[in-house]
Amino acid sequence: MALTVERKAEIVGQHKRHATDTGSAEVQVALLTDRINALTEHLKQHRHDHSTQRGLLKLVGQRRRQLAFLNKTDVSRYRAVLQQLGLRK
């Protein structure tokens, strides 16, 4: 379930703002979203895995805080991230 090095590099490559960017809010939200999606798929098969469910809720909270920060600092970047990741409908 952990991100492979190749998958992480691919996500960072898609969402980075400049050549050496590895930790901007966009990259962090994209990495969290990938982990959230993986845990969601895991929980569809293992409904009673409560420790994974708790971890998923913690990740969702982290992503929510990152998105709130991004919304507060730059709304256009916030909207672009939502569009790229398909988070809001």
PDB file of N, CA and C in Angstrom:
ATOM      1  N   MET A   1       0.810  -1.196   0.000  1.00  0.00           N
ATOM      2  CA  MET A   1       0.000   0.000   0.000  1.00  0.00           C
ATOM      3  C   MET A   1       0.855   1.263   0.000  1.00  0.00           C
ATOM      4  N   ALA A   2       2.092   1.150   0.385  1.00  0.00           N
ATOM      5  CA  ALA A   2       2.949   2.333   0.402  1.00  0.00           C
ATOM      6  C   ALA A   2       3.276   2.766  -1.025  1.00  0.00           C
ATOM      7  N   LEU A   3       3.536   4.036  -1.167  1.00  0.00           N
ATOM      8  CA  LEU A   3       3.891   4.564  -2.480  1.00  0.00           C
ATOM      9  C   LEU A   3       5.267   4.048  -2.892  1.00  0.00           C
ATOM     10  N   THR A   4       5.383   3.610  -4.128  1.00  0.00           N
ATOM     11  CA  THR A   4       6.689   3.230  -4.631  1.00  0.00           C
ATOM     12  C   THR A   4       7.450   4.494  -5.016  1.00  0.00           C
ATOM     13  N   VAL A   5       8.736   4.365  -5.152  1.00  0.00           N
ATOM     14  CA  VAL A   5       9.576   5.505  -5.499  1.00  0.00           C
ATOM     15  C   VAL A   5       9.176   6.045  -6.869  1.00  0.00           C
ATOM     16  N   GLU A   6       8.898   5.131  -7.790  1.00  0.00           N
ATOM     17  CA  GLU A   6       8.526   5.553  -9.144  1.00  0.00           C
ATOM     18  C   GLU A   6       7.197   6.293  -9.145  1.00  0.00           C
ATOM     19  N   ARG A   7       6.217   5.771  -8.405  1.00  0.00           N
ATOM     20  CA  ARG A   7       4.893   6.408  -8.356  1.00  0.00           C
ATOM     21  C   ARG A   7       4.987   7.791  -7.723  1.00  0.00           C
ATOM     22  N   LYS A   8       5.775   7.908  -6.646  1.00  0.00           N
ATOM     23  CA  LYS A   8       5.933   9.197  -5.985  1.00  0.00           C
ATOM     24  C   LYS A   8       6.604  10.203  -6.914  1.00  0.00           C
ATOM     25  N   ALA A   9       7.633   9.768  -7.632  1.00  0.00           N
ATOM     26  CA  ALA A   9       8.317  10.657  -8.578  1.00  0.00           C
ATOM     27  C   ALA A   9       7.373  11.090  -9.691  1.00  0.00           C
ATOM     28  N   GLU A  10       6.515  10.189 -10.129  1.00  0.00           N
ATOM     29  CA  GLU A  10       5.544  10.534 -11.170  1.00  0.00           C
ATOM     30  C   GLU A  10       4.562  11.598 -10.685  1.00  0.00           C
ATOM     31  N   ILE A  11       4.057  11.432  -9.464  1.00  0.00           N
ATOM     32  CA  ILE A  11       3.105  12.393  -8.907  1.00  0.00           C
ATOM     33  C   ILE A  11       3.779  13.753  -8.711  1.00  0.00           C
ATOM     34  N   VAL A  12       4.990  13.747  -8.175  1.00  0.00           N
ATOM     35  CA  VAL A  12       5.718  14.998  -7.971  1.00  0.00           C
ATOM     36  C   VAL A  12       5.968  15.668  -9.315  1.00  0.00           C
ATOM     37  N   GLY A  13       6.321  14.889 -10.326  1.00  0.00           N
ATOM     38  CA  GLY A  13       6.575  15.441 -11.650  1.00  0.00           C
ATOM     39  C   GLY A  13       5.356  16.099 -12.264  1.00  0.00           C
ATOM     40  N   GLN A  14       4.181  15.545 -12.003  1.00  0.00           N
ATOM     41  CA  GLN A  14       2.950  16.097 -12.558  1.00  0.00           C
ATOM     42  C   GLN A  14       2.519  17.384 -11.868  1.00  0.00           C
ATOM     43  N   HIS A  15       2.824  17.530 -10.589  1.00  0.00           N
ATOM     44  CA  HIS A  15       2.265  18.630  -9.809  1.00  0.00           C
ATOM     45  C   HIS A  15       3.275  19.655  -9.323  1.00  0.00           C
ATOM     46  N   LYS A  16       4.541  19.506  -9.681  1.00  0.00           N
ATOM     47  CA  LYS A  16       5.543  20.444  -9.176  1.00  0.00           C
ATOM     48  C   LYS A  16       5.399  21.804  -9.854  1.00  0.00           C
ATOM     49  N   ARG A  17       5.782  22.842  -9.132  1.00  0.00           N
ATOM     50  CA  ARG A  17       5.658  24.214  -9.621  1.00  0.00           C
ATOM     51  C   ARG A  17       6.915  24.667 -10.341  1.00  0.00           C
ATOM     52  N   HIS A  18       8.080  24.113  -9.985  1.00  0.00           N
ATOM     53  CA  HIS A  18       9.338  24.436 -10.647  1.00  0.00           C
ATOM     54  C   HIS A  18      10.221  23.197 -10.615  1.00  0.00           C
ATOM     55  N   ALA A  19      11.395  23.284 -11.175  1.00  0.00           N
ATOM     56  CA  ALA A  19      12.243  22.112 -11.406  1.00  0.00           C
ATOM     57  C   ALA A  19      12.625  21.359 -10.129  1.00  0.00           C
ATOM     58  N   THR A  20      12.873  22.067  -9.032  1.00  0.00           N
ATOM     59  CA  THR A  20      13.327  21.397  -7.811  1.00  0.00           C
ATOM     60  C   THR A  20      12.238  21.302  -6.753  1.00  0.00           C
ATOM     61  N   ASP A  21      10.996  21.479  -7.134  1.00  0.00           N
ATOM     62  CA  ASP A  21       9.885  21.484  -6.183  1.00  0.00           C
ATOM     63  C   ASP A  21       9.513  20.059  -5.792  1.00  0.00           C
ATOM     64  N   THR A  22       9.563  19.774  -4.491  1.00  0.00           N
ATOM     65  CA  THR A  22       9.103  18.473  -4.000  1.00  0.00           C
ATOM     66  C   THR A  22       8.153  18.614  -2.819  1.00  0.00           C
ATOM     67  N   GLY A  23       7.931  19.831  -2.322  1.00  0.00           N
ATOM     68  CA  GLY A  23       7.148  19.960  -1.110  1.00  0.00           C
ATOM     69  C   GLY A  23       6.120  21.059  -1.127  1.00  0.00           C
ATOM     70  N   SER A  24       5.755  21.563  -2.291  1.00  0.00           N
ATOM     71  CA  SER A  24       4.737  22.612  -2.320  1.00  0.00           C
ATOM     72  C   SER A  24       3.391  22.014  -1.914  1.00  0.00           C
ATOM     73  N   ALA A  25       2.459  22.872  -1.623  1.00  0.00           N
ATOM     74  CA  ALA A  25       1.136  22.416  -1.177  1.00  0.00           C
ATOM     75  C   ALA A  25       0.474  21.546  -2.240  1.00  0.00           C
ATOM     76  N   GLU A  26       0.656  21.892  -3.510  1.00  0.00           N
ATOM     77  CA  GLU A  26       0.057  21.104  -4.584  1.00  0.00           C
ATOM     78  C   GLU A  26       0.595  19.678  -4.592  1.00  0.00           C
ATOM     79  N   VAL A  27       1.896  19.542  -4.435  1.00  0.00           N
ATOM     80  CA  VAL A  27       2.521  18.220  -4.423  1.00  0.00           C
ATOM     81  C   VAL A  27       2.053  17.430  -3.213  1.00  0.00           C
ATOM     82  N   GLN A  28       2.003  18.078  -2.052  1.00  0.00           N
ATOM     83  CA  GLN A  28       1.577  17.381  -0.845  1.00  0.00           C
ATOM     84  C   GLN A  28       0.138  16.908  -0.952  1.00  0.00           C
ATOM     85  N   VAL A  29      -0.746  17.748  -1.494  1.00  0.00           N
ATOM     86  CA  VAL A  29      -2.149  17.360  -1.654  1.00  0.00           C
ATOM     87  C   VAL A  29      -2.260  16.192  -2.637  1.00  0.00           C
ATOM     88  N   ALA A  30      -1.486  16.218  -3.702  1.00  0.00           N
ATOM     89  CA  ALA A  30      -1.531  15.136  -4.688  1.00  0.00           C
ATOM     90  C   ALA A  30      -1.046  13.816  -4.079  1.00  0.00           C
ATOM     91  N   LEU A  31       0.022  13.868  -3.282  1.00  0.00           N
ATOM     92  CA  LEU A  31       0.523  12.657  -2.640  1.00  0.00           C
ATOM     93  C   LEU A  31      -0.485  12.117  -1.630  1.00  0.00           C
ATOM     94  N   LEU A  32      -1.079  13.005  -0.855  1.00  0.00           N
ATOM     95  CA  LEU A  32      -2.087  12.567   0.106  1.00  0.00           C
ATOM     96  C   LEU A  32      -3.294  11.963  -0.606  1.00  0.00           C
ATOM     97  N   THR A  33      -3.703  12.557  -1.712  1.00  0.00           N
ATOM     98  CA  THR A  33      -4.852  12.050  -2.459  1.00  0.00           C
ATOM     99  C   THR A  33      -4.575  10.649  -2.980  1.00  0.00           C
ATOM    100  N   ASP A  34      -3.367  10.395  -3.459  1.00  0.00           N
ATOM    101  CA  ASP A  34      -3.028   9.061  -3.948  1.00  0.00           C
ATOM    102  C   ASP A  34      -3.082   8.040  -2.817  1.00  0.00           C
ATOM    103  N   ARG A  35      -2.546   8.406  -1.665  1.00  0.00           N
ATOM    104  CA  ARG A  35      -2.590   7.489  -0.516  1.00  0.00           C
ATOM    105  C   ARG A  35      -4.026   7.266  -0.048  1.00  0.00           C
ATOM    106  N   ILE A  36      -4.836   8.320  -0.055  1.00  0.00           N
ATOM    107  CA  ILE A  36      -6.236   8.195   0.358  1.00  0.00           C
ATOM    108  C   ILE A  36      -6.981   7.251  -0.582  1.00  0.00           C
ATOM    109  N   ASN A  37      -6.746   7.393  -1.877  1.00  0.00           N
ATOM    110  CA  ASN A  37      -7.405   6.515  -2.842  1.00  0.00           C
ATOM    111  C   ASN A  37      -7.002   5.056  -2.649  1.00  0.00           C
ATOM    112  N   ALA A  38      -5.723   4.816  -2.350  1.00  0.00           N
ATOM    113  CA  ALA A  38      -5.253   3.453  -2.126  1.00  0.00           C
ATOM    114  C   ALA A  38      -5.887   2.855  -0.872  1.00  0.00           C
ATOM    115  N   LEU A  39      -5.963   3.637   0.188  1.00  0.00           N
ATOM    116  CA  LEU A  39      -6.574   3.130   1.422  1.00  0.00           C
ATOM    117  C   LEU A  39      -8.072   2.908   1.255  1.00  0.00           C
ATOM    118  N   THR A  40      -8.717   3.737   0.460  1.00  0.00           N
ATOM    119  CA  THR A  40     -10.141   3.562   0.209  1.00  0.00           C
ATOM    120  C   THR A  40     -10.396   2.238  -0.499  1.00  0.00           C
ATOM    121  N   GLU A  41      -9.560   1.911  -1.477  1.00  0.00           N
ATOM    122  CA  GLU A  41      -9.692   0.629  -2.170  1.00  0.00           C
ATOM    123  C   GLU A  41      -9.444  -0.533  -1.211  1.00  0.00           C
ATOM    124  N   HIS A  42      -8.458  -0.392  -0.328  1.00  0.00           N
ATOM    125  CA  HIS A  42      -8.176  -1.432   0.660  1.00  0.00           C
ATOM    126  C   HIS A  42      -9.379  -1.652   1.573  1.00  0.00           C
ATOM    127  N   LEU A  43      -9.994  -0.561   2.002  1.00  0.00           N
ATOM    128  CA  LEU A  43     -11.115  -0.674   2.937  1.00  0.00           C
ATOM    129  C   LEU A  43     -12.375  -1.225   2.274  1.00  0.00           C
ATOM    130  N   LYS A  44     -12.472  -1.152   0.958  1.00  0.00           N
ATOM    131  CA  LYS A  44     -13.623  -1.770   0.281  1.00  0.00           C
ATOM    132  C   LYS A  44     -13.584  -3.279   0.436  1.00  0.00           C
ATOM    133  N   GLN A  45     -12.387  -3.863   0.499  1.00  0.00           N
ATOM    134  CA  GLN A  45     -12.248  -5.309   0.667  1.00  0.00           C
ATOM    135  C   GLN A  45     -12.183  -5.715   2.133  1.00  0.00           C
ATOM    136  N   HIS A  46     -11.600  -4.864   2.973  1.00  0.00           N
ATOM    137  CA  HIS A  46     -11.385  -5.191   4.390  1.00  0.00           C
ATOM    138  C   HIS A  46     -12.142  -4.186   5.248  1.00  0.00           C
ATOM    139  N   ARG A  47     -13.426  -4.367   5.340  1.00  0.00           N
ATOM    140  CA  ARG A  47     -14.292  -3.394   6.003  1.00  0.00           C
ATOM    141  C   ARG A  47     -14.020  -3.236   7.498  1.00  0.00           C
ATOM    142  N   HIS A  48     -13.501  -4.267   8.127  1.00  0.00           N
ATOM    143  CA  HIS A  48     -13.307  -4.220   9.578  1.00  0.00           C
ATOM    144  C   HIS A  48     -11.881  -3.862   9.986  1.00  0.00           C
ATOM    145  N   ASP A  49     -11.105  -3.331   9.088  1.00  0.00           N
ATOM    146  CA  ASP A  49      -9.734  -2.920   9.384  1.00  0.00           C
ATOM    147  C   ASP A  49      -9.772  -1.511   9.987  1.00  0.00           C
ATOM    148  N   HIS A  50      -9.964  -1.456  11.289  1.00  0.00           N
ATOM    149  CA  HIS A  50     -10.189  -0.177  11.958  1.00  0.00           C
ATOM    150  C   HIS A  50      -8.929   0.682  12.048  1.00  0.00           C
ATOM    151  N   SER A  51      -7.763   0.051  12.123  1.00  0.00           N
ATOM    152  CA  SER A  51      -6.543   0.851  12.183  1.00  0.00           C
ATOM    153  C   SER A  51      -6.299   1.565  10.855  1.00  0.00           C
ATOM    154  N   THR A  52      -6.601   0.897   9.759  1.00  0.00           N
ATOM    155  CA  THR A  52      -6.485   1.549   8.454  1.00  0.00           C
ATOM    156  C   THR A  52      -7.523   2.644   8.312  1.00  0.00           C
ATOM    157  N   GLN A  53      -8.696   2.414   8.844  1.00  0.00           N
ATOM    158  CA  GLN A  53      -9.748   3.424   8.777  1.00  0.00           C
ATOM    159  C   GLN A  53      -9.340   4.679   9.544  1.00  0.00           C
ATOM    160  N   ARG A  54      -8.698   4.492  10.684  1.00  0.00           N
ATOM    161  CA  ARG A  54      -8.225   5.635  11.458  1.00  0.00           C
ATOM    162  C   ARG A  54      -7.133   6.385  10.699  1.00  0.00           C
ATOM    163  N   GLY A  55      -6.217   5.638  10.101  1.00  0.00           N
ATOM    164  CA  GLY A  55      -5.168   6.258   9.303  1.00  0.00           C
ATOM    165  C   GLY A  55      -5.734   7.030   8.125  1.00  0.00           C
ATOM    166  N   LEU A  56      -6.771   6.490   7.498  1.00  0.00           N
ATOM    167  CA  LEU A  56      -7.421   7.174   6.385  1.00  0.00           C
ATOM    168  C   LEU A  56      -8.021   8.496   6.843  1.00  0.00           C
ATOM    169  N   LEU A  57      -8.680   8.490   7.985  1.00  0.00           N
ATOM    170  CA  LEU A  57      -9.280   9.721   8.497  1.00  0.00           C
ATOM    171  C   LEU A  57      -8.216  10.767   8.834  1.00  0.00           C
ATOM    172  N   LYS A  58      -7.068  10.319   9.335  1.00  0.00           N
ATOM    173  CA  LYS A  58      -5.978  11.259   9.614  1.00  0.00           C
ATOM    174  C   LYS A  58      -5.450  11.873   8.321  1.00  0.00           C
ATOM    175  N   LEU A  59      -5.327  11.065   7.277  1.00  0.00           N
ATOM    176  CA  LEU A  59      -4.859  11.580   5.987  1.00  0.00           C
ATOM    177  C   LEU A  59      -5.850  12.564   5.382  1.00  0.00           C
ATOM    178  N   VAL A  60      -7.126  12.266   5.515  1.00  0.00           N
ATOM    179  CA  VAL A  60      -8.153  13.174   4.995  1.00  0.00           C
ATOM    180  C   VAL A  60      -8.086  14.512   5.723  1.00  0.00           C
ATOM    181  N   GLY A  61      -7.842  14.477   7.033  1.00  0.00           N
ATOM    182  CA  GLY A  61      -7.704  15.705   7.802  1.00  0.00           C
ATOM    183  C   GLY A  61      -6.482  16.507   7.380  1.00  0.00           C
ATOM    184  N   GLN A  62      -5.370  15.807   7.125  1.00  0.00           N
ATOM    185  CA  GLN A  62      -4.157  16.500   6.663  1.00  0.00           C
ATOM    186  C   GLN A  62      -4.400  17.164   5.313  1.00  0.00           C
ATOM    187  N   ARG A  63      -5.052  16.438   4.413  1.00  0.00           N
ATOM    188  CA  ARG A  63      -5.322  17.010   3.088  1.00  0.00           C
ATOM    189  C   ARG A  63      -6.263  18.198   3.198  1.00  0.00           C
ATOM    190  N   ARG A  64      -7.233  18.102   4.080  1.00  0.00           N
ATOM    191  CA  ARG A  64      -8.172  19.203   4.285  1.00  0.00           C
ATOM    192  C   ARG A  64      -7.464  20.458   4.766  1.00  0.00           C
ATOM    193  N   ARG A  65      -6.509  20.286   5.687  1.00  0.00           N
ATOM    194  CA  ARG A  65      -5.749  21.431   6.190  1.00  0.00           C
ATOM    195  C   ARG A  65      -4.852  22.018   5.101  1.00  0.00           C
ATOM    196  N   GLN A  66      -4.241  21.170   4.303  1.00  0.00           N
ATOM    197  CA  GLN A  66      -3.410  21.661   3.195  1.00  0.00           C
ATOM    198  C   GLN A  66      -4.257  22.446   2.194  1.00  0.00           C
ATOM    199  N   LEU A  67      -5.445  21.944   1.886  1.00  0.00           N
ATOM    200  CA  LEU A  67      -6.322  22.641   0.953  1.00  0.00           C
ATOM    201  C   LEU A  67      -6.819  23.958   1.540  1.00  0.00           C
ATOM    202  N   ALA A  68      -7.074  23.990   2.837  1.00  0.00           N
ATOM    203  CA  ALA A  68      -7.503  25.239   3.466  1.00  0.00           C
ATOM    204  C   ALA A  68      -6.389  26.276   3.398  1.00  0.00           C
ATOM    205  N   PHE A  69      -5.151  25.846   3.629  1.00  0.00           N
ATOM    206  CA  PHE A  69      -4.013  26.750   3.516  1.00  0.00           C
ATOM    207  C   PHE A  69      -3.887  27.290   2.095  1.00  0.00           C
ATOM    208  N   LEU A  70      -4.011  26.401   1.132  1.00  0.00           N
ATOM    209  CA  LEU A  70      -3.889  26.805  -0.266  1.00  0.00           C
ATOM    210  C   LEU A  70      -5.006  27.758  -0.663  1.00  0.00           C
ATOM    211  N   ASN A  71      -6.201  27.511  -0.177  1.00  0.00           N
ATOM    212  CA  ASN A  71      -7.343  28.389  -0.463  1.00  0.00           C
ATOM    213  C   ASN A  71      -7.125  29.771   0.144  1.00  0.00           C
ATOM    214  N   LYS A  72      -6.535  29.800   1.326  1.00  0.00           N
ATOM    215  CA  LYS A  72      -6.299  31.067   2.017  1.00  0.00           C
ATOM    216  C   LYS A  72      -5.199  31.878   1.347  1.00  0.00           C
ATOM    217  N   THR A  73      -4.169  31.202   0.818  1.00  0.00           N
ATOM    218  CA  THR A  73      -3.032  31.919   0.263  1.00  0.00           C
ATOM    219  C   THR A  73      -3.203  32.264  -1.212  1.00  0.00           C
ATOM    220  N   ASP A  74      -3.734  31.334  -2.022  1.00  0.00           N
ATOM    221  CA  ASP A  74      -3.856  31.584  -3.462  1.00  0.00           C
ATOM    222  C   ASP A  74      -5.025  30.774  -4.019  1.00  0.00           C
ATOM    223  N   VAL A  75      -6.132  31.444  -4.254  1.00  0.00           N
ATOM    224  CA  VAL A  75      -7.366  30.769  -4.669  1.00  0.00           C
ATOM    225  C   VAL A  75      -7.217  30.137  -6.053  1.00  0.00           C
ATOM    226  N   SER A  76      -6.486  30.766  -6.950  1.00  0.00           N
ATOM    227  CA  SER A  76      -6.341  30.212  -8.296  1.00  0.00           C
ATOM    228  C   SER A  76      -5.574  28.888  -8.269  1.00  0.00           C
ATOM    229  N   ARG A  77      -4.523  28.798  -7.444  1.00  0.00           N
ATOM    230  CA  ARG A  77      -3.803  27.526  -7.294  1.00  0.00           C
ATOM    231  C   ARG A  77      -4.698  26.477  -6.648  1.00  0.00           C
ATOM    232  N   TYR A  78      -5.506  26.892  -5.680  1.00  0.00           N
ATOM    233  CA  TYR A  78      -6.440  25.989  -5.009  1.00  0.00           C
ATOM    234  C   TYR A  78      -7.414  25.389  -6.021  1.00  0.00           C
ATOM    235  N   ARG A  79      -7.997  26.238  -6.848  1.00  0.00           N
ATOM    236  CA  ARG A  79      -8.957  25.757  -7.849  1.00  0.00           C
ATOM    237  C   ARG A  79      -8.289  24.859  -8.877  1.00  0.00           C
ATOM    238  N   ALA A  80      -7.046  25.181  -9.243  1.00  0.00           N
ATOM    239  CA  ALA A  80      -6.326  24.357 -10.205  1.00  0.00           C
ATOM    240  C   ALA A  80      -6.068  22.956  -9.644  1.00  0.00           C
ATOM    241  N   VAL A  81      -5.708  22.881  -8.367  1.00  0.00           N
ATOM    242  CA  VAL A  81      -5.458  21.584  -7.731  1.00  0.00           C
ATOM    243  C   VAL A  81      -6.748  20.764  -7.678  1.00  0.00           C
ATOM    244  N   LEU A  82      -7.835  21.404  -7.304  1.00  0.00           N
ATOM    245  CA  LEU A  82      -9.120  20.697  -7.260  1.00  0.00           C
ATOM    246  C   LEU A  82      -9.498  20.164  -8.633  1.00  0.00           C
ATOM    247  N   GLN A  83      -9.249  20.963  -9.656  1.00  0.00           N
ATOM    248  CA  GLN A  83      -9.574  20.548 -11.028  1.00  0.00           C
ATOM    249  C   GLN A  83      -8.700  19.369 -11.453  1.00  0.00           C
ATOM    250  N   GLN A  84      -7.398  19.442 -11.181  1.00  0.00           N
ATOM    251  CA  GLN A  84      -6.471  18.386 -11.591  1.00  0.00           C
ATOM    252  C   GLN A  84      -6.766  17.069 -10.900  1.00  0.00           C
ATOM    253  N   LEU A  85      -7.079  17.126  -9.620  1.00  0.00           N
ATOM    254  CA  LEU A  85      -7.286  15.908  -8.847  1.00  0.00           C
ATOM    255  C   LEU A  85      -8.736  15.445  -8.834  1.00  0.00           C
ATOM    256  N   GLY A  86      -9.645  16.287  -9.299  1.00  0.00           N
ATOM    257  CA  GLY A  86     -11.058  15.916  -9.329  1.00  0.00           C
ATOM    258  C   GLY A  86     -11.656  15.710  -7.954  1.00  0.00           C
ATOM    259  N   LEU A  87     -11.352  16.636  -7.032  1.00  0.00           N
ATOM    260  CA  LEU A  87     -11.805  16.457  -5.654  1.00  0.00           C
ATOM    261  C   LEU A  87     -13.215  16.952  -5.400  1.00  0.00           C
ATOM    262  N   ARG A  88     -13.609  18.061  -6.002  1.00  0.00           N
ATOM    263  CA  ARG A  88     -14.957  18.597  -5.794  1.00  0.00           C
ATOM    264  C   ARG A  88     -15.753  18.440  -7.074  1.00  0.00           C
ATOM    265  N   LYS A  89     -17.047  18.316  -6.896  1.00  0.00           N
ATOM    266  CA  LYS A  89     -17.905  18.149  -8.068  1.00  0.00           C
ATOM    267  C   LYS A  89     -18.812  19.334  -8.253  1.00  0.00           C
TER     268      LYS A  89
END
